[in-house]
């Protein structure tokens, strides 16, 4: 039987693990697939993803 205190602790650990997992996924995605931040048009338009792929 799981008491309410144990349930709170287990839920907190699950939330922390899920947060670290998704944060790690976002970090890896940002690190492995960087958007082209330099290039023609990136400074003027402010949208780096509009830069053609062959410029970088």
Protein backbone atom coordinates (compact mmCIF):
# COMPACT_ATOMS: atom_id res chain seq x y z
CA UNK A 1 0.00 0.00 0.00
CA UNK A 2 1.39 3.36 -1.02
CA UNK A 3 0.83 6.17 1.43
CA UNK A 4 0.12 9.73 0.33
CA UNK A 5 3.61 10.90 1.26
CA UNK A 6 5.22 8.15 -0.81
CA UNK A 7 2.88 8.99 -3.68
CA UNK A 8 3.96 12.64 -3.58
CA UNK A 9 7.65 11.68 -3.57
CA UNK A 10 7.22 9.19 -6.41
CA UNK A 11 5.25 11.72 -8.47
CA UNK A 12 7.90 14.38 -7.90
CA UNK A 13 10.65 11.99 -8.99
CA UNK A 14 8.70 11.04 -12.13
CA UNK A 15 8.11 14.68 -12.99
CA UNK A 16 11.78 15.50 -12.46
CA UNK A 17 12.87 12.55 -14.60
CA UNK A 18 10.44 13.50 -17.38
CA UNK A 19 11.59 17.14 -17.26
CA UNK A 20 15.26 16.16 -17.47
CA UNK A 21 14.49 13.69 -20.28
CA UNK A 22 12.63 16.22 -22.43
CA UNK A 23 15.14 18.95 -21.67
CA UNK A 24 17.90 16.59 -22.76
CA UNK A 25 16.03 15.81 -25.97
CA UNK A 26 15.61 19.50 -26.74
CA UNK A 27 19.26 20.17 -25.93
CA UNK A 28 20.45 17.34 -28.18
CA UNK A 29 18.15 18.47 -30.97
CA UNK A 30 19.45 22.03 -30.67
CA UNK A 31 23.05 20.83 -30.47
CA UNK A 32 22.99 18.25 -33.27
CA UNK A 33 20.75 20.17 -35.70
CA UNK A 34 21.72 23.83 -35.34
CA UNK A 35 19.77 26.33 -37.36
CA UNK A 36 21.87 28.48 -39.67
CA UNK A 37 22.25 31.71 -37.72
CA UNK A 38 24.71 33.33 -40.11
CA UNK A 39 24.12 33.93 -43.74
CA UNK A 40 22.46 36.33 -46.17
CA UNK A 41 19.10 37.49 -44.93
CA UNK A 42 19.39 36.18 -41.39
CA UNK A 43 20.25 39.56 -39.90
CA UNK A 44 17.78 41.57 -41.96
CA UNK A 45 14.74 39.32 -41.74
CA UNK A 46 15.41 37.84 -38.32
CA UNK A 47 14.26 34.42 -39.53
CA UNK A 48 17.26 32.14 -39.81
CA UNK A 49 15.20 29.23 -41.08
CA UNK A 50 14.31 31.17 -44.24
CA UNK A 51 17.94 31.11 -45.35
CA UNK A 52 18.47 28.62 -48.20
CA UNK A 53 20.27 25.45 -47.22
CA UNK A 54 23.13 25.90 -49.71
CA UNK A 55 24.35 29.13 -48.14
CA UNK A 56 25.89 27.33 -45.18
